[in-house]
């Protein structure tokens, strides 16, 4: 009984944190979504599903959702491919391996605001790092990447790949280290090349890890906010207006907190639907992994 009490004491801070900063805010947001809660008005009448009806008719919200899906479709596969490639490299016994792993992980522990500021300076016209390098090769070096319709979204995607590299790499690295050497030895005896071993052994055995990284990366991408707020403010021409930023502007610029709460639960439904599709699409791979 005493040991059980000690266990409860250890988990109590995490449970309190989950309640105070997780479940209570979610419950309050759900409550707000049924009221016309305006920060500039004293009264907040009950409107039932009125806020959800307003979201259905809000073309700006649906455009932001399309932008978020597009951003996710670009950043998640690219981020997974880069992280897997780096994990395969650092999984090999190389000199200074710990240094390389640390360098690759550093961006993920930096403040998102600080990271966004770094990328703003990297992408500055003329004096930014990218434009400076272009100038070395006598290429046009006055491009304002964050103000160009064709470049702003790509800038956010490249930043997400860089900042998300560390955690994804570590997860893939753990999965690679957990693959039995006997599988590679058997494949080698069968005459399989390194490329064939990657395709027939490594990738199938990484199926659970790949699914976890894909789902968590998708959830993070669909909720992206800080880079948009710091770097583009949803521009140019709303091409980078993501759902997270749109919810923020609805609540704190337009002061429609009830409608913003409804938007957040629509986003939750979309994220759950996308995650279900991902689980369903990789079900066969997971079954094959379990059978192995």
C-alpha atoms as a PDB file:
ATOM      1  CA  UNK A   1       0.000   0.000   0.000  1.00  0.00           C
ATOM      2  CA  UNK A   2       2.858   2.343   0.851  1.00  0.00           C
ATOM      3  CA  UNK A   3       4.559   1.648  -2.498  1.00  0.00           C
ATOM      4  CA  UNK A   4       1.288   2.362  -4.282  1.00  0.00           C
ATOM      5  CA  UNK A   5       1.076   5.719  -2.510  1.00  0.00           C
ATOM      6  CA  UNK A   6       4.608   6.570  -3.613  1.00  0.00           C
ATOM      7  CA  UNK A   7       3.633   5.699  -7.197  1.00  0.00           C
ATOM      8  CA  UNK A   8       0.576   7.963  -7.023  1.00  0.00           C
ATOM      9  CA  UNK A   9       2.785  10.769  -5.681  1.00  0.00           C
ATOM     10  CA  UNK A  10       5.133  10.441  -8.648  1.00  0.00           C
ATOM     11  CA  UNK A  11       2.343  10.550 -11.263  1.00  0.00           C
ATOM     12  CA  UNK A  12       0.331  13.271  -9.472  1.00  0.00           C
ATOM     13  CA  UNK A  13       2.211  16.244 -11.033  1.00  0.00           C
ATOM     14  CA  UNK A  14       1.720  14.838 -14.538  1.00  0.00           C
ATOM     15  CA  UNK A  15      -1.979  14.199 -13.874  1.00  0.00           C
ATOM     16  CA  UNK A  16      -2.475  17.716 -12.483  1.00  0.00           C
ATOM     17  CA  UNK A  17      -0.646  19.198 -15.475  1.00  0.00           C
ATOM     18  CA  UNK A  18      -2.845  17.188 -17.864  1.00  0.00           C
ATOM     19  CA  UNK A  19      -6.013  18.336 -16.099  1.00  0.00           C
ATOM     20  CA  UNK A  20      -5.087  22.002 -15.714  1.00  0.00           C
ATOM     21  CA  UNK A  21      -3.422  22.570 -19.074  1.00  0.00           C
ATOM     22  CA  UNK A  22      -5.126  19.869 -21.144  1.00  0.00           C
ATOM     23  CA  UNK A  23      -8.556  18.552 -20.280  1.00  0.00           C
ATOM     24  CA  UNK A  24      -9.933  21.668 -18.569  1.00  0.00           C
ATOM     25  CA  UNK A  25      -9.047  24.026 -21.476  1.00  0.00           C
ATOM     26  CA  UNK A  26     -10.469  21.516 -23.981  1.00  0.00           C
ATOM     27  CA  UNK A  27     -13.701  21.259 -22.012  1.00  0.00           C
ATOM     28  CA  UNK A  28     -13.956  25.039 -21.695  1.00  0.00           C
ATOM     29  CA  UNK A  29     -13.309  25.489 -25.421  1.00  0.00           C
ATOM     30  CA  UNK A  30     -16.092  23.012 -26.174  1.00  0.00           C
ATOM     31  CA  UNK A  31     -18.374  25.010 -23.874  1.00  0.00           C
ATOM     32  CA  UNK A  32     -17.439  28.284 -25.601  1.00  0.00           C
ATOM     33  CA  UNK A  33     -18.169  26.814 -29.033  1.00  0.00           C
ATOM     34  CA  UNK A  34     -21.889  26.814 -28.219  1.00  0.00           C
ATOM     35  CA  UNK A  35     -21.995  30.499 -27.222  1.00  0.00           C
ATOM     36  CA  UNK A  36     -21.576  33.774 -29.100  1.00  0.00           C
ATOM     37  CA  UNK A  37     -18.625  34.656 -26.911  1.00  0.00           C
ATOM     38  CA  UNK A  38     -17.292  38.037 -27.957  1.00  0.00           C
ATOM     39  CA  UNK A  39     -14.498  39.625 -25.915  1.00  0.00           C
ATOM     40  CA  UNK A  40     -15.926  43.119 -26.546  1.00  0.00           C
ATOM     41  CA  UNK A  41     -19.440  42.343 -25.288  1.00  0.00           C
ATOM     42  CA  UNK A  42     -20.788  41.751 -21.800  1.00  0.00           C
ATOM     43  CA  UNK A  43     -23.354  39.145 -22.823  1.00  0.00           C
ATOM     44  CA  UNK A  44     -22.611  35.788 -24.413  1.00  0.00           C
ATOM     45  CA  UNK A  45     -25.908  34.249 -25.604  1.00  0.00           C
ATOM     46  CA  UNK A  46     -26.243  30.535 -26.258  1.00  0.00           C
ATOM     47  CA  UNK A  47     -26.321  29.850 -30.013  1.00  0.00           C
ATOM     48  CA  UNK A  48     -26.183  26.059 -30.091  1.00  0.00           C
ATOM     49  CA  UNK A  49     -24.591  24.946 -33.347  1.00  0.00           C
ATOM     50  CA  UNK A  50     -24.617  28.502 -34.697  1.00  0.00           C
ATOM     51  CA  UNK A  51     -20.835  28.835 -34.478  1.00  0.00           C
ATOM     52  CA  UNK A  52     -20.364  25.590 -36.375  1.00  0.00           C
ATOM     53  CA  UNK A  53     -22.774  26.845 -39.044  1.00  0.00           C
ATOM     54  CA  UNK A  54     -20.702  30.035 -39.272  1.00  0.00           C
ATOM     55  CA  UNK A  55     -17.545  27.945 -39.711  1.00  0.00           C
ATOM     56  CA  UNK A  56     -19.225  25.996 -42.533  1.00  0.00           C
ATOM     57  CA  UNK A  57     -19.883  29.291 -44.344  1.00  0.00           C
ATOM     58  CA  UNK A  58     -16.462  30.814 -43.622  1.00  0.00           C
ATOM     59  CA  UNK A  59     -14.550  30.591 -46.901  1.00  0.00           C
ATOM     60  CA  UNK A  60     -11.431  31.938 -45.194  1.00  0.00           C
ATOM     61  CA  UNK A  61     -11.388  29.012 -42.771  1.00  0.00           C
ATOM     62  CA  UNK A  62     -11.709  26.430 -45.542  1.00  0.00           C
ATOM     63  CA  UNK A  63      -8.968  28.128 -47.529  1.00  0.00           C
ATOM     64  CA  UNK A  64      -6.776  27.983 -44.426  1.00  0.00           C
ATOM     65  CA  UNK A  65      -7.627  24.283 -44.055  1.00  0.00           C
ATOM     66  CA  UNK A  66      -6.615  23.628 -47.676  1.00  0.00           C
ATOM     67  CA  UNK A  67      -3.361  25.515 -47.028  1.00  0.00           C
ATOM     68  CA  UNK A  68      -2.723  23.375 -43.941  1.00  0.00           C
ATOM     69  CA  UNK A  69      -3.360  20.163 -45.868  1.00  0.00           C
ATOM     70  CA  UNK A  70      -1.046  21.333 -48.651  1.00  0.00           C
ATOM     71  CA  UNK A  71       1.657  22.263 -46.120  1.00  0.00           C
ATOM     72  CA  UNK A  72       1.235  18.864 -44.446  1.00  0.00           C
ATOM     73  CA  UNK A  73       1.379  16.999 -47.761  1.00  0.00           C
ATOM     74  CA  UNK A  74       4.695  18.706 -48.562  1.00  0.00           C
ATOM     75  CA  UNK A  75       6.415  18.862 -45.177  1.00  0.00           C
ATOM     76  CA  UNK A  76       5.598  15.444 -43.690  1.00  0.00           C
ATOM     77  CA  UNK A  77       6.873  13.144 -46.504  1.00  0.00           C
ATOM     78  CA  UNK A  78       9.914  15.352 -47.093  1.00  0.00           C
ATOM     79  CA  UNK A  79      10.652  15.523 -43.369  1.00  0.00           C
ATOM     80  CA  UNK A  80      10.333  11.747 -42.988  1.00  0.00           C
ATOM     81  CA  UNK A  81      12.587  11.063 -45.982  1.00  0.00           C
ATOM     82  CA  UNK A  82      15.329  13.419 -44.740  1.00  0.00           C
ATOM     83  CA  UNK A  83      15.114  12.108 -41.156  1.00  0.00           C
ATOM     84  CA  UNK A  84      15.274   8.477 -42.311  1.00  0.00           C
ATOM     85  CA  UNK A  85      18.237   9.227 -44.548  1.00  0.00           C
ATOM     86  CA  UNK A  86      20.132  10.933 -41.725  1.00  0.00           C
ATOM     87  CA  UNK A  87      19.231   8.106 -39.315  1.00  0.00           C
ATOM     88  CA  UNK A  88      20.631   5.533 -41.744  1.00  0.00           C
ATOM     89  CA  UNK A  89      23.862   7.541 -41.950  1.00  0.00           C
ATOM     90  CA  UNK A  90      24.365   8.072 -38.215  1.00  0.00           C
ATOM     91  CA  UNK A  91      23.450   4.447 -37.458  1.00  0.00           C
ATOM     92  CA  UNK A  92      26.809   3.443 -38.923  1.00  0.00           C
ATOM     93  CA  UNK A  93      29.968   3.377 -36.751  1.00  0.00           C
ATOM     94  CA  UNK A  94      31.640   6.622 -37.743  1.00  0.00           C
ATOM     95  CA  UNK A  95      34.156   8.920 -36.069  1.00  0.00           C
ATOM     96  CA  UNK A  96      32.569  11.810 -34.184  1.00  0.00           C
ATOM     97  CA  UNK A  97      29.128  10.203 -34.399  1.00  0.00           C
ATOM     98  CA  UNK A  98      27.930  11.715 -31.114  1.00  0.00           C
ATOM     99  CA  UNK A  99      28.765  15.198 -32.414  1.00  0.00           C
ATOM    100  CA  UNK A 100      26.798  14.626 -35.613  1.00  0.00           C
ATOM    101  CA  UNK A 101      23.764  13.339 -33.689  1.00  0.00           C
ATOM    102  CA  UNK A 102      23.888  16.362 -31.387  1.00  0.00           C
ATOM    103  CA  UNK A 103      24.142  18.814 -34.295  1.00  0.00           C
ATOM    104  CA  UNK A 104      21.175  17.249 -36.066  1.00  0.00           C
ATOM    105  CA  UNK A 105      19.093  17.329 -32.869  1.00  0.00           C
ATOM    106  CA  UNK A 106      19.910  20.922 -31.865  1.00  0.00           C
ATOM    107  CA  UNK A 107      17.168  22.681 -33.934  1.00  0.00           C
ATOM    108  CA  UNK A 108      14.422  20.767 -32.136  1.00  0.00           C
ATOM    109  CA  UNK A 109      15.410  22.080 -28.690  1.00  0.00           C
ATOM    110  CA  UNK A 110      15.559  25.704 -29.782  1.00  0.00           C
ATOM    111  CA  UNK A 111      12.684  28.100 -29.180  1.00  0.00           C
ATOM    112  CA  UNK A 112      10.343  28.217 -32.181  1.00  0.00           C
ATOM    113  CA  UNK A 113      10.402  32.013 -32.029  1.00  0.00           C
ATOM    114  CA  UNK A 114      14.214  32.058 -32.104  1.00  0.00           C
ATOM    115  CA  UNK A 115      14.230  29.528 -34.937  1.00  0.00           C
ATOM    116  CA  UNK A 116      11.762  31.620 -36.936  1.00  0.00           C
ATOM    117  CA  UNK A 117      13.942  34.709 -36.429  1.00  0.00           C
ATOM    118  CA  UNK A 118      16.980  32.817 -37.695  1.00  0.00           C
ATOM    119  CA  UNK A 119      15.098  31.768 -40.830  1.00  0.00           C
ATOM    120  CA  UNK A 120      13.861  35.311 -41.397  1.00  0.00           C
ATOM    121  CA  UNK A 121      17.493  36.467 -41.526  1.00  0.00           C
ATOM    122  CA  UNK A 122      18.507  33.495 -43.684  1.00  0.00           C
ATOM    123  CA  UNK A 123      15.830  34.409 -46.254  1.00  0.00           C
ATOM    124  CA  UNK A 124      16.330  38.194 -46.296  1.00  0.00           C
ATOM    125  CA  UNK A 125      16.690  39.828 -49.741  1.00  0.00           C
ATOM    126  CA  UNK A 126      20.331  40.591 -50.703  1.00  0.00           C
ATOM    127  CA  UNK A 127      21.866  40.216 -47.224  1.00  0.00           C
ATOM    128  CA  UNK A 128      20.263  36.882 -46.295  1.00  0.00           C
ATOM    129  CA  UNK A 129      22.341  33.711 -46.418  1.00  0.00           C
ATOM    130  CA  UNK A 130      20.404  32.178 -49.336  1.00  0.00           C
ATOM    131  CA  UNK A 131      20.568  35.321 -51.451  1.00  0.00           C
ATOM    132  CA  UNK A 132      24.222  35.845 -50.551  1.00  0.00           C
ATOM    133  CA  UNK A 133      25.072  32.356 -51.829  1.00  0.00           C
ATOM    134  CA  UNK A 134      23.061  33.019 -54.985  1.00  0.00           C
ATOM    135  CA  UNK A 135      25.067  36.222 -55.451  1.00  0.00           C
ATOM    136  CA  UNK A 136      28.302  34.246 -55.384  1.00  0.00           C
ATOM    137  CA  UNK A 137      27.111  32.459 -58.534  1.00  0.00           C
ATOM    138  CA  UNK A 138      25.886  35.709 -60.112  1.00  0.00           C
ATOM    139  CA  UNK A 139      22.268  34.548 -59.833  1.00  0.00           C
ATOM    140  CA  UNK A 140      19.399  36.935 -58.930  1.00  0.00           C
ATOM    141  CA  UNK A 141      19.793  37.602 -55.210  1.00  0.00           C
ATOM    142  CA  UNK A 142      17.048  40.081 -54.364  1.00  0.00           C
ATOM    143  CA  UNK A 143      14.210  37.598 -53.879  1.00  0.00           C
ATOM    144  CA  UNK A 144      12.076  38.243 -50.798  1.00  0.00           C
ATOM    145  CA  UNK A 145      11.127  34.611 -50.238  1.00  0.00           C
ATOM    146  CA  UNK A 146       8.605  35.320 -47.478  1.00  0.00           C
ATOM    147  CA  UNK A 147       6.700  37.832 -49.624  1.00  0.00           C
ATOM    148  CA  UNK A 148       6.585  35.790 -52.846  1.00  0.00           C
ATOM    149  CA  UNK A 149       3.489  33.681 -53.502  1.00  0.00           C
ATOM    150  CA  UNK A 150       5.548  30.868 -54.974  1.00  0.00           C
ATOM    151  CA  UNK A 151       8.171  30.804 -52.216  1.00  0.00           C
ATOM    152  CA  UNK A 152       6.515  31.624 -48.870  1.00  0.00           C
ATOM    153  CA  UNK A 153       4.922  28.198 -48.378  1.00  0.00           C
ATOM    154  CA  UNK A 154       8.118  26.430 -49.459  1.00  0.00           C
ATOM    155  CA  UNK A 155      10.087  28.493 -46.944  1.00  0.00           C
ATOM    156  CA  UNK A 156       7.814  27.258 -44.148  1.00  0.00           C
ATOM    157  CA  UNK A 157       8.128  23.680 -45.403  1.00  0.00           C
ATOM    158  CA  UNK A 158      11.950  23.789 -45.460  1.00  0.00           C
ATOM    159  CA  UNK A 159      11.983  25.268 -41.973  1.00  0.00           C
ATOM    160  CA  UNK A 160       9.697  22.479 -40.679  1.00  0.00           C
ATOM    161  CA  UNK A 161      11.994  19.839 -42.152  1.00  0.00           C
ATOM    162  CA  UNK A 162      14.972  21.429 -40.379  1.00  0.00           C
ATOM    163  CA  UNK A 163      13.279  21.909 -36.996  1.00  0.00           C
ATOM    164  CA  UNK A 164      11.615  18.478 -36.963  1.00  0.00           C
ATOM    165  CA  UNK A 165      14.729  16.568 -38.022  1.00  0.00           C
ATOM    166  CA  UNK A 166      15.996  15.794 -34.514  1.00  0.00           C
ATOM    167  CA  UNK A 167      13.022  13.943 -32.966  1.00  0.00           C
ATOM    168  CA  UNK A 168      12.245  12.074 -36.193  1.00  0.00           C
ATOM    169  CA  UNK A 169      15.865  11.045 -36.616  1.00  0.00           C
ATOM    170  CA  UNK A 170      16.064   9.742 -33.038  1.00  0.00           C
ATOM    171  CA  UNK A 171      12.895   7.677 -33.464  1.00  0.00           C
ATOM    172  CA  UNK A 172      14.079   6.193 -36.756  1.00  0.00           C
ATOM    173  CA  UNK A 173      17.513   5.549 -35.251  1.00  0.00           C
ATOM    174  CA  UNK A 174      15.939   3.652 -32.341  1.00  0.00           C
ATOM    175  CA  UNK A 175      13.903   1.588 -34.803  1.00  0.00           C
ATOM    176  CA  UNK A 176      16.978   0.795 -36.924  1.00  0.00           C
ATOM    177  CA  UNK A 177      18.971  -0.244 -33.852  1.00  0.00           C
ATOM    178  CA  UNK A 178      16.145  -2.627 -32.897  1.00  0.00           C
ATOM    179  CA  UNK A 179      16.281  -4.592 -36.165  1.00  0.00           C
ATOM    180  CA  UNK A 180      17.997  -7.984 -35.569  1.00  0.00           C
ATOM    181  CA  UNK A 181      21.326  -8.404 -37.370  1.00  0.00           C
ATOM    182  CA  UNK A 182      20.280 -11.939 -38.280  1.00  0.00           C
ATOM    183  CA  UNK A 183      17.800 -10.555 -40.818  1.00  0.00           C
ATOM    184  CA  UNK A 184      20.552  -8.684 -42.650  1.00  0.00           C
ATOM    185  CA  UNK A 185      22.821 -11.730 -42.493  1.00  0.00           C
ATOM    186  CA  UNK A 186      20.105 -13.921 -43.991  1.00  0.00           C
ATOM    187  CA  UNK A 187      19.419 -11.376 -46.731  1.00  0.00           C
ATOM    188  CA  UNK A 188      23.140 -11.098 -47.476  1.00  0.00           C
ATOM    189  CA  UNK A 189      23.447 -14.883 -47.793  1.00  0.00           C
ATOM    190  CA  UNK A 190      20.568 -14.793 -50.281  1.00  0.00           C
ATOM    191  CA  UNK A 191      22.586 -12.364 -52.363  1.00  0.00           C
ATOM    192  CA  UNK A 192      20.580  -9.225 -51.529  1.00  0.00           C
ATOM    193  CA  UNK A 193      22.384  -5.951 -52.210  1.00  0.00           C
ATOM    194  CA  UNK A 194      22.437  -3.076 -49.708  1.00  0.00           C
ATOM    195  CA  UNK A 195      19.613  -1.374 -51.588  1.00  0.00           C
ATOM    196  CA  UNK A 196      17.567  -4.572 -51.601  1.00  0.00           C
ATOM    197  CA  UNK A 197      18.180  -5.031 -47.864  1.00  0.00           C
ATOM    198  CA  UNK A 198      16.925  -1.509 -47.259  1.00  0.00           C
ATOM    199  CA  UNK A 199      13.761  -2.191 -49.241  1.00  0.00           C
ATOM    200  CA  UNK A 200      13.073  -5.735 -48.035  1.00  0.00           C
ATOM    201  CA  UNK A 201      14.335  -5.624 -44.437  1.00  0.00           C
ATOM    202  CA  UNK A 202      14.815  -2.118 -43.046  1.00  0.00           C
ATOM    203  CA  UNK A 203      11.678  -0.390 -44.306  1.00  0.00           C
ATOM    204  CA  UNK A 204       9.241  -3.230 -43.427  1.00  0.00           C
ATOM    205  CA  UNK A 205      10.758  -3.569 -39.948  1.00  0.00           C
ATOM    206  CA  UNK A 206      10.414   0.188 -39.464  1.00  0.00           C
ATOM    207  CA  UNK A 207       6.671   0.097 -40.212  1.00  0.00           C
ATOM    208  CA  UNK A 208       5.519   0.802 -36.594  1.00  0.00           C
ATOM    209  CA  UNK A 209       8.090   3.579 -36.203  1.00  0.00           C
ATOM    210  CA  UNK A 210       7.167   5.062 -39.583  1.00  0.00           C
ATOM    211  CA  UNK A 211       3.478   5.063 -38.680  1.00  0.00           C
ATOM    212  CA  UNK A 212       4.121   6.762 -35.339  1.00  0.00           C
ATOM    213  CA  UNK A 213       6.395   9.404 -36.873  1.00  0.00           C
ATOM    214  CA  UNK A 214       3.942   9.999 -39.738  1.00  0.00           C
ATOM    215  CA  UNK A 215       0.917  10.459 -37.471  1.00  0.00           C
ATOM    216  CA  UNK A 216       2.679  12.693 -34.929  1.00  0.00           C
ATOM    217  CA  UNK A 217       4.288  14.769 -37.696  1.00  0.00           C
ATOM    218  CA  UNK A 218       0.908  15.173 -39.411  1.00  0.00           C
ATOM    219  CA  UNK A 219      -0.753  16.323 -36.194  1.00  0.00           C
ATOM    220  CA  UNK A 220       2.039  18.850 -35.594  1.00  0.00           C
ATOM    221  CA  UNK A 221       1.886  20.106 -39.193  1.00  0.00           C
ATOM    222  CA  UNK A 222      -1.873  20.603 -39.081  1.00  0.00           C
ATOM    223  CA  UNK A 223      -1.489  22.745 -35.933  1.00  0.00           C
ATOM    224  CA  UNK A 224       1.468  24.851 -37.075  1.00  0.00           C
ATOM    225  CA  UNK A 225       1.259  28.405 -35.760  1.00  0.00           C
ATOM    226  CA  UNK A 226       4.483  30.053 -34.554  1.00  0.00           C
ATOM    227  CA  UNK A 227       6.382  30.030 -37.904  1.00  0.00           C
ATOM    228  CA  UNK A 228       3.341  31.480 -39.682  1.00  0.00           C
ATOM    229  CA  UNK A 229       2.859  34.154 -37.026  1.00  0.00           C
ATOM    230  CA  UNK A 230       6.530  35.125 -36.981  1.00  0.00           C
ATOM    231  CA  UNK A 231       7.451  34.820 -40.654  1.00  0.00           C
ATOM    232  CA  UNK A 232       4.483  35.446 -42.963  1.00  0.00           C
ATOM    233  CA  UNK A 233       1.395  36.511 -40.950  1.00  0.00           C
ATOM    234  CA  UNK A 234      -0.615  34.321 -43.322  1.00  0.00           C
ATOM    235  CA  UNK A 235       0.594  36.147 -46.443  1.00  0.00           C
ATOM    236  CA  UNK A 236       1.232  36.781 -49.178  1.00  0.00           C
ATOM    237  CA  UNK A 237      -2.398  36.846 -50.350  1.00  0.00           C
ATOM    238  CA  UNK A 238      -3.388  34.371 -47.597  1.00  0.00           C
ATOM    239  CA  UNK A 239      -1.338  31.605 -49.226  1.00  0.00           C
ATOM    240  CA  UNK A 240       0.196  30.666 -45.849  1.00  0.00           C
ATOM    241  CA  UNK A 241      -2.883  31.310 -43.723  1.00  0.00           C
ATOM    242  CA  UNK A 242      -2.958  27.981 -41.848  1.00  0.00           C
ATOM    243  CA  UNK A 243      -5.803  26.797 -39.641  1.00  0.00           C
ATOM    244  CA  UNK A 244      -3.897  27.442 -36.404  1.00  0.00           C
ATOM    245  CA  UNK A 245      -3.176  31.030 -37.409  1.00  0.00           C
ATOM    246  CA  UNK A 246      -6.737  31.512 -38.697  1.00  0.00           C
ATOM    247  CA  UNK A 247      -8.141  30.377 -35.344  1.00  0.00           C
ATOM    248  CA  UNK A 248      -5.809  32.812 -33.593  1.00  0.00           C
ATOM    249  CA  UNK A 249      -6.911  35.762 -35.747  1.00  0.00           C
ATOM    250  CA  UNK A 250     -10.590  34.858 -35.312  1.00  0.00           C
ATOM    251  CA  UNK A 251     -10.194  34.873 -31.525  1.00  0.00           C
ATOM    252  CA  UNK A 252      -7.719  37.695 -30.901  1.00  0.00           C
ATOM    253  CA  UNK A 253      -8.100  39.985 -33.904  1.00  0.00           C
ATOM    254  CA  UNK A 254     -11.834  39.647 -34.566  1.00  0.00           C
ATOM    255  CA  UNK A 255     -12.631  38.735 -30.900  1.00  0.00           C
ATOM    256  CA  UNK A 256     -15.028  35.927 -31.931  1.00  0.00           C
ATOM    257  CA  UNK A 257     -13.899  33.434 -29.307  1.00  0.00           C
ATOM    258  CA  UNK A 258     -16.943  31.177 -29.657  1.00  0.00           C
ATOM    259  CA  UNK A 259     -16.452  30.797 -33.406  1.00  0.00           C
ATOM    260  CA  UNK A 260     -12.710  30.246 -32.936  1.00  0.00           C
ATOM    261  CA  UNK A 261     -13.500  27.453 -30.466  1.00  0.00           C
ATOM    262  CA  UNK A 262     -15.798  25.845 -33.031  1.00  0.00           C
ATOM    263  CA  UNK A 263     -13.028  26.100 -35.632  1.00  0.00           C
ATOM    264  CA  UNK A 264     -10.638  24.303 -33.282  1.00  0.00           C
ATOM    265  CA  UNK A 265     -13.009  21.351 -32.943  1.00  0.00           C
ATOM    266  CA  UNK A 266     -13.510  21.190 -36.705  1.00  0.00           C
ATOM    267  CA  UNK A 267      -9.717  21.036 -36.959  1.00  0.00           C
ATOM    268  CA  UNK A 268      -9.706  18.243 -34.359  1.00  0.00           C
ATOM    269  CA  UNK A 269     -12.201  16.260 -36.447  1.00  0.00           C
ATOM    270  CA  UNK A 270     -10.109  16.734 -39.600  1.00  0.00           C
ATOM    271  CA  UNK A 271      -6.896  15.670 -37.832  1.00  0.00           C
ATOM    272  CA  UNK A 272      -8.610  12.554 -36.449  1.00  0.00           C
ATOM    273  CA  UNK A 273      -9.914  11.701 -39.921  1.00  0.00           C
ATOM    274  CA  UNK A 274      -6.461  12.100 -41.471  1.00  0.00           C
ATOM    275  CA  UNK A 275      -4.902   9.958 -38.708  1.00  0.00           C
ATOM    276  CA  UNK A 276      -7.529   7.250 -39.297  1.00  0.00           C
ATOM    277  CA  UNK A 277      -6.714   7.214 -43.014  1.00  0.00           C
ATOM    278  CA  UNK A 278      -3.013   6.860 -42.184  1.00  0.00           C
ATOM    279  CA  UNK A 279      -3.652   3.989 -39.777  1.00  0.00           C
ATOM    280  CA  UNK A 280      -5.896   2.245 -42.312  1.00  0.00           C
ATOM    281  CA  UNK A 281      -3.445   2.667 -45.191  1.00  0.00           C
ATOM    282  CA  UNK A 282      -0.580   1.110 -43.197  1.00  0.00           C
ATOM    283  CA  UNK A 283      -2.637  -1.650 -41.599  1.00  0.00           C
ATOM    284  CA  UNK A 284      -1.264  -4.344 -43.927  1.00  0.00           C
ATOM    285  CA  UNK A 285       2.325  -3.327 -43.236  1.00  0.00           C
ATOM    286  CA  UNK A 286       1.720  -3.500 -39.494  1.00  0.00           C
ATOM    287  CA  UNK A 287       0.115  -6.937 -39.828  1.00  0.00           C
ATOM    288  CA  UNK A 288       3.123  -8.149 -41.835  1.00  0.00           C
ATOM    289  CA  UNK A 289       5.460  -6.757 -39.143  1.00  0.00           C
ATOM    290  CA  UNK A 290       3.471  -8.510 -36.380  1.00  0.00           C
ATOM    291  CA  UNK A 291       3.594 -11.772 -38.308  1.00  0.00           C
ATOM    292  CA  UNK A 292       7.356 -11.453 -38.643  1.00  0.00           C
END
